[in-house]
């Protein structure tokens, strides 16, 4: 990781390592630009937010409890401008998101891990983290800040 400046945590507050590549990064639908999957252990839900090439931004909640009859729920769906969609796609390239493939970031504080984890996915790239955002590499922080601006 020392030679990969994009993936390195220069502040040293977070453990970072390559995940074992037992499987290739998740296969995304052709139109997907970026997706987050937040696994919340406390509520037993998976929250998925997806941005597609046409600017559709959708969020859904999926129950991880097999006994839950309401297994999936669409939370929101909106449209962002083609300019904002292209700008986010450009940002992924500028911040070298592809260099983070198969990286995992975790704080020493196990409280974060107990709550769940977030997987960030783009075509051919998958990054998992349980770390506080301010402890992640700067490029990843920039991506997450821009993503939050789109989603919220």
C-alpha atoms as a PDB file:
ATOM      1  CA  UNK A   1       0.000   0.000   0.000  1.00  0.00           C
ATOM      2  CA  UNK A   2       2.945   2.288   0.569  1.00  0.00           C
ATOM      3  CA  UNK A   3       3.498   2.466  -3.185  1.00  0.00           C
ATOM      4  CA  UNK A   4      -0.180   3.119  -3.877  1.00  0.00           C
ATOM      5  CA  UNK A   5      -0.620   6.688  -2.661  1.00  0.00           C
ATOM      6  CA  UNK A   6      -4.321   6.659  -3.557  1.00  0.00           C
ATOM      7  CA  UNK A   7      -4.986   3.740  -1.208  1.00  0.00           C
ATOM      8  CA  UNK A   8      -2.690   4.807   1.625  1.00  0.00           C
ATOM      9  CA  UNK A   9      -3.805   6.385   4.866  1.00  0.00           C
ATOM     10  CA  UNK A  10      -1.048   8.893   5.500  1.00  0.00           C
ATOM     11  CA  UNK A  11      -2.336   9.786   8.982  1.00  0.00           C
ATOM     12  CA  UNK A  12      -2.050   6.179  10.187  1.00  0.00           C
ATOM     13  CA  UNK A  13      -5.418   6.158  11.982  1.00  0.00           C
ATOM     14  CA  UNK A  14      -6.938   3.328  10.020  1.00  0.00           C
ATOM     15  CA  UNK A  15      -5.874  -0.190   9.174  1.00  0.00           C
ATOM     16  CA  UNK A  16      -5.843  -0.806   5.437  1.00  0.00           C
ATOM     17  CA  UNK A  17      -5.291  -4.015   3.548  1.00  0.00           C
ATOM     18  CA  UNK A  18      -6.203  -5.776   0.344  1.00  0.00           C
ATOM     19  CA  UNK A  19      -9.116  -8.141   0.686  1.00  0.00           C
ATOM     20  CA  UNK A  20      -8.467 -11.640  -0.506  1.00  0.00           C
ATOM     21  CA  UNK A  21      -9.626 -11.768  -4.107  1.00  0.00           C
ATOM     22  CA  UNK A  22     -11.685 -14.944  -3.744  1.00  0.00           C
ATOM     23  CA  UNK A  23     -14.261 -13.433  -6.064  1.00  0.00           C
ATOM     24  CA  UNK A  24     -14.113 -10.637  -8.628  1.00  0.00           C
ATOM     25  CA  UNK A  25     -15.721  -7.286  -7.756  1.00  0.00           C
ATOM     26  CA  UNK A  26     -19.475  -7.387  -7.793  1.00  0.00           C
ATOM     27  CA  UNK A  27     -21.044  -7.419 -11.222  1.00  0.00           C
ATOM     28  CA  UNK A  28     -23.022  -4.238 -11.787  1.00  0.00           C
ATOM     29  CA  UNK A  29     -25.707  -3.579 -14.308  1.00  0.00           C
ATOM     30  CA  UNK A  30     -24.200  -1.973 -17.381  1.00  0.00           C
ATOM     31  CA  UNK A  31     -25.730   1.421 -16.685  1.00  0.00           C
ATOM     32  CA  UNK A  32     -24.529   1.713 -13.060  1.00  0.00           C
ATOM     33  CA  UNK A  33     -21.851   4.354 -12.416  1.00  0.00           C
ATOM     34  CA  UNK A  34     -21.616   4.024  -8.636  1.00  0.00           C
ATOM     35  CA  UNK A  35     -23.336   2.191  -5.831  1.00  0.00           C
ATOM     36  CA  UNK A  36     -23.098   2.040  -2.049  1.00  0.00           C
ATOM     37  CA  UNK A  37     -24.221  -0.889   0.068  1.00  0.00           C
ATOM     38  CA  UNK A  38     -24.473  -0.123   3.774  1.00  0.00           C
ATOM     39  CA  UNK A  39     -24.895  -3.207   5.937  1.00  0.00           C
ATOM     40  CA  UNK A  40     -26.472  -2.184   9.242  1.00  0.00           C
ATOM     41  CA  UNK A  41     -26.111  -5.016  11.723  1.00  0.00           C
ATOM     42  CA  UNK A  42     -28.197  -3.268  14.388  1.00  0.00           C
ATOM     43  CA  UNK A  43     -31.339  -2.864  12.265  1.00  0.00           C
ATOM     44  CA  UNK A  44     -30.618  -5.974  10.159  1.00  0.00           C
ATOM     45  CA  UNK A  45     -30.969  -4.009   6.930  1.00  0.00           C
ATOM     46  CA  UNK A  46     -28.957  -3.463   3.789  1.00  0.00           C
ATOM     47  CA  UNK A  47     -29.292   0.029   2.300  1.00  0.00           C
ATOM     48  CA  UNK A  48     -28.405   0.267  -1.395  1.00  0.00           C
ATOM     49  CA  UNK A  49     -28.029   3.599  -3.209  1.00  0.00           C
ATOM     50  CA  UNK A  50     -27.321   3.545  -6.934  1.00  0.00           C
ATOM     51  CA  UNK A  51     -26.443   6.143  -9.569  1.00  0.00           C
ATOM     52  CA  UNK A  52     -27.006   5.128 -13.185  1.00  0.00           C
ATOM     53  CA  UNK A  53     -25.662   6.687 -16.387  1.00  0.00           C
ATOM     54  CA  UNK A  54     -28.987   8.406 -17.119  1.00  0.00           C
ATOM     55  CA  UNK A  55     -28.791  10.276 -13.777  1.00  0.00           C
ATOM     56  CA  UNK A  56     -31.259   8.119 -11.854  1.00  0.00           C
ATOM     57  CA  UNK A  57     -30.403   8.055  -8.171  1.00  0.00           C
ATOM     58  CA  UNK A  58     -32.303   5.381  -6.276  1.00  0.00           C
ATOM     59  CA  UNK A  59     -32.241   4.076  -2.722  1.00  0.00           C
ATOM     60  CA  UNK A  60     -33.717   0.907  -1.326  1.00  0.00           C
ATOM     61  CA  UNK A  61     -33.793  -0.902   1.983  1.00  0.00           C
ATOM     62  CA  UNK A  62     -33.575  -4.692   2.095  1.00  0.00           C
ATOM     63  CA  UNK A  63     -34.224  -6.701   5.229  1.00  0.00           C
ATOM     64  CA  UNK A  64     -31.473  -9.136   6.195  1.00  0.00           C
ATOM     65  CA  UNK A  65     -33.948 -10.953   8.443  1.00  0.00           C
ATOM     66  CA  UNK A  66     -35.218 -14.011   6.523  1.00  0.00           C
ATOM     67  CA  UNK A  67     -38.430 -13.950   8.592  1.00  0.00           C
ATOM     68  CA  UNK A  68     -39.331 -10.417   7.499  1.00  0.00           C
ATOM     69  CA  UNK A  69     -42.208 -10.493   5.017  1.00  0.00           C
ATOM     70  CA  UNK A  70     -41.481  -6.902   3.847  1.00  0.00           C
ATOM     71  CA  UNK A  71     -38.075  -7.858   2.489  1.00  0.00           C
ATOM     72  CA  UNK A  72     -37.486  -4.870   0.209  1.00  0.00           C
ATOM     73  CA  UNK A  73     -38.632  -1.270   0.148  1.00  0.00           C
ATOM     74  CA  UNK A  74     -37.813   1.533  -2.294  1.00  0.00           C
ATOM     75  CA  UNK A  75     -36.885   4.563  -0.208  1.00  0.00           C
ATOM     76  CA  UNK A  76     -36.423   7.147  -2.932  1.00  0.00           C
ATOM     77  CA  UNK A  77     -35.812   7.714  -6.587  1.00  0.00           C
ATOM     78  CA  UNK A  78     -34.745  10.996  -8.141  1.00  0.00           C
ATOM     79  CA  UNK A  79     -33.087  12.397 -11.209  1.00  0.00           C
ATOM     80  CA  UNK A  80     -29.871  14.393 -11.205  1.00  0.00           C
ATOM     81  CA  UNK A  81     -28.683  16.479 -14.113  1.00  0.00           C
ATOM     82  CA  UNK A  82     -26.509  15.011 -16.868  1.00  0.00           C
ATOM     83  CA  UNK A  83     -23.834  17.571 -15.897  1.00  0.00           C
ATOM     84  CA  UNK A  84     -23.766  16.399 -12.260  1.00  0.00           C
ATOM     85  CA  UNK A  85     -23.749  12.759 -13.357  1.00  0.00           C
ATOM     86  CA  UNK A  86     -20.790  13.373 -15.671  1.00  0.00           C
ATOM     87  CA  UNK A  87     -18.996  15.433 -13.000  1.00  0.00           C
ATOM     88  CA  UNK A  88     -19.272  12.585 -10.478  1.00  0.00           C
ATOM     89  CA  UNK A  89     -18.046  10.067 -13.031  1.00  0.00           C
ATOM     90  CA  UNK A  90     -15.101  12.397 -13.795  1.00  0.00           C
ATOM     91  CA  UNK A  91     -14.373  12.724 -10.071  1.00  0.00           C
ATOM     92  CA  UNK A  92     -14.104   8.934  -9.729  1.00  0.00           C
ATOM     93  CA  UNK A  93     -11.432   8.974 -12.442  1.00  0.00           C
ATOM     94  CA  UNK A  94      -9.628  12.045 -11.048  1.00  0.00           C
ATOM     95  CA  UNK A  95      -9.446  10.528  -7.563  1.00  0.00           C
ATOM     96  CA  UNK A  96      -8.209   7.211  -9.007  1.00  0.00           C
ATOM     97  CA  UNK A  97     -11.047   5.198  -7.476  1.00  0.00           C
ATOM     98  CA  UNK A  98     -10.014   2.195  -9.583  1.00  0.00           C
ATOM     99  CA  UNK A  99      -6.709   2.088  -7.645  1.00  0.00           C
ATOM    100  CA  UNK A 100      -8.683   1.226  -4.511  1.00  0.00           C
ATOM    101  CA  UNK A 101     -10.101  -2.035  -5.869  1.00  0.00           C
ATOM    102  CA  UNK A 102     -10.309  -4.756  -3.208  1.00  0.00           C
ATOM    103  CA  UNK A 103      -9.151  -2.379  -0.432  1.00  0.00           C
ATOM    104  CA  UNK A 104     -10.648  -2.582   3.034  1.00  0.00           C
ATOM    105  CA  UNK A 105     -10.338   0.138   5.673  1.00  0.00           C
ATOM    106  CA  UNK A 106     -11.079  -0.380   9.348  1.00  0.00           C
ATOM    107  CA  UNK A 107     -10.625   1.679  12.522  1.00  0.00           C
ATOM    108  CA  UNK A 108      -9.193   0.122  15.630  1.00  0.00           C
ATOM    109  CA  UNK A 109     -12.471   1.116  17.322  1.00  0.00           C
ATOM    110  CA  UNK A 110     -14.579  -2.019  17.080  1.00  0.00           C
ATOM    111  CA  UNK A 111     -17.708   0.065  17.703  1.00  0.00           C
ATOM    112  CA  UNK A 112     -17.711   1.025  14.035  1.00  0.00           C
ATOM    113  CA  UNK A 113     -17.443  -2.621  12.994  1.00  0.00           C
ATOM    114  CA  UNK A 114     -20.286  -3.662  15.293  1.00  0.00           C
ATOM    115  CA  UNK A 115     -22.651  -1.231  13.594  1.00  0.00           C
ATOM    116  CA  UNK A 116     -21.947  -2.565  10.115  1.00  0.00           C
ATOM    117  CA  UNK A 117     -19.899  -1.742   7.066  1.00  0.00           C
ATOM    118  CA  UNK A 118     -20.164   0.104   3.762  1.00  0.00           C
ATOM    119  CA  UNK A 119     -19.149  -1.226   0.365  1.00  0.00           C
ATOM    120  CA  UNK A 120     -18.493   1.291  -2.426  1.00  0.00           C
ATOM    121  CA  UNK A 121     -18.850  -0.177  -5.888  1.00  0.00           C
ATOM    122  CA  UNK A 122     -18.145   1.029  -9.414  1.00  0.00           C
ATOM    123  CA  UNK A 123     -17.625  -1.077 -12.530  1.00  0.00           C
ATOM    124  CA  UNK A 124     -14.646  -3.332 -11.752  1.00  0.00           C
ATOM    125  CA  UNK A 125     -14.023  -1.761  -8.321  1.00  0.00           C
ATOM    126  CA  UNK A 126     -15.142  -2.685  -4.807  1.00  0.00           C
ATOM    127  CA  UNK A 127     -13.977  -0.954  -1.601  1.00  0.00           C
ATOM    128  CA  UNK A 128     -15.174  -1.867   1.890  1.00  0.00           C
ATOM    129  CA  UNK A 129     -14.872   0.286   4.992  1.00  0.00           C
ATOM    130  CA  UNK A 130     -15.882   0.361   8.623  1.00  0.00           C
ATOM    131  CA  UNK A 131     -13.676   3.369   9.316  1.00  0.00           C
ATOM    132  CA  UNK A 132     -14.806   6.868  10.147  1.00  0.00           C
ATOM    133  CA  UNK A 133     -14.781   8.940   6.945  1.00  0.00           C
ATOM    134  CA  UNK A 134     -12.212  11.405   8.289  1.00  0.00           C
ATOM    135  CA  UNK A 135      -9.777   8.497   8.730  1.00  0.00           C
ATOM    136  CA  UNK A 136      -9.994   7.325   5.109  1.00  0.00           C
ATOM    137  CA  UNK A 137      -7.510   8.315   2.373  1.00  0.00           C
ATOM    138  CA  UNK A 138      -8.099  11.856   1.114  1.00  0.00           C
ATOM    139  CA  UNK A 139      -9.216  10.785  -2.378  1.00  0.00           C
ATOM    140  CA  UNK A 140     -11.841   8.484  -0.908  1.00  0.00           C
ATOM    141  CA  UNK A 141     -13.018  11.272   1.402  1.00  0.00           C
ATOM    142  CA  UNK A 142     -13.456  13.554  -1.634  1.00  0.00           C
ATOM    143  CA  UNK A 143     -15.533  10.879  -3.397  1.00  0.00           C
ATOM    144  CA  UNK A 144     -17.713  10.278  -0.332  1.00  0.00           C
ATOM    145  CA  UNK A 145     -18.260  14.012   0.162  1.00  0.00           C
ATOM    146  CA  UNK A 146     -19.368  14.413  -3.473  1.00  0.00           C
ATOM    147  CA  UNK A 147     -21.572  11.308  -3.163  1.00  0.00           C
ATOM    148  CA  UNK A 148     -23.240  12.741  -0.051  1.00  0.00           C
ATOM    149  CA  UNK A 149     -23.874  15.955  -1.976  1.00  0.00           C
ATOM    150  CA  UNK A 150     -25.722  13.993  -4.641  1.00  0.00           C
ATOM    151  CA  UNK A 151     -27.652  11.741  -2.288  1.00  0.00           C
ATOM    152  CA  UNK A 152     -28.706  14.228   0.421  1.00  0.00           C
END
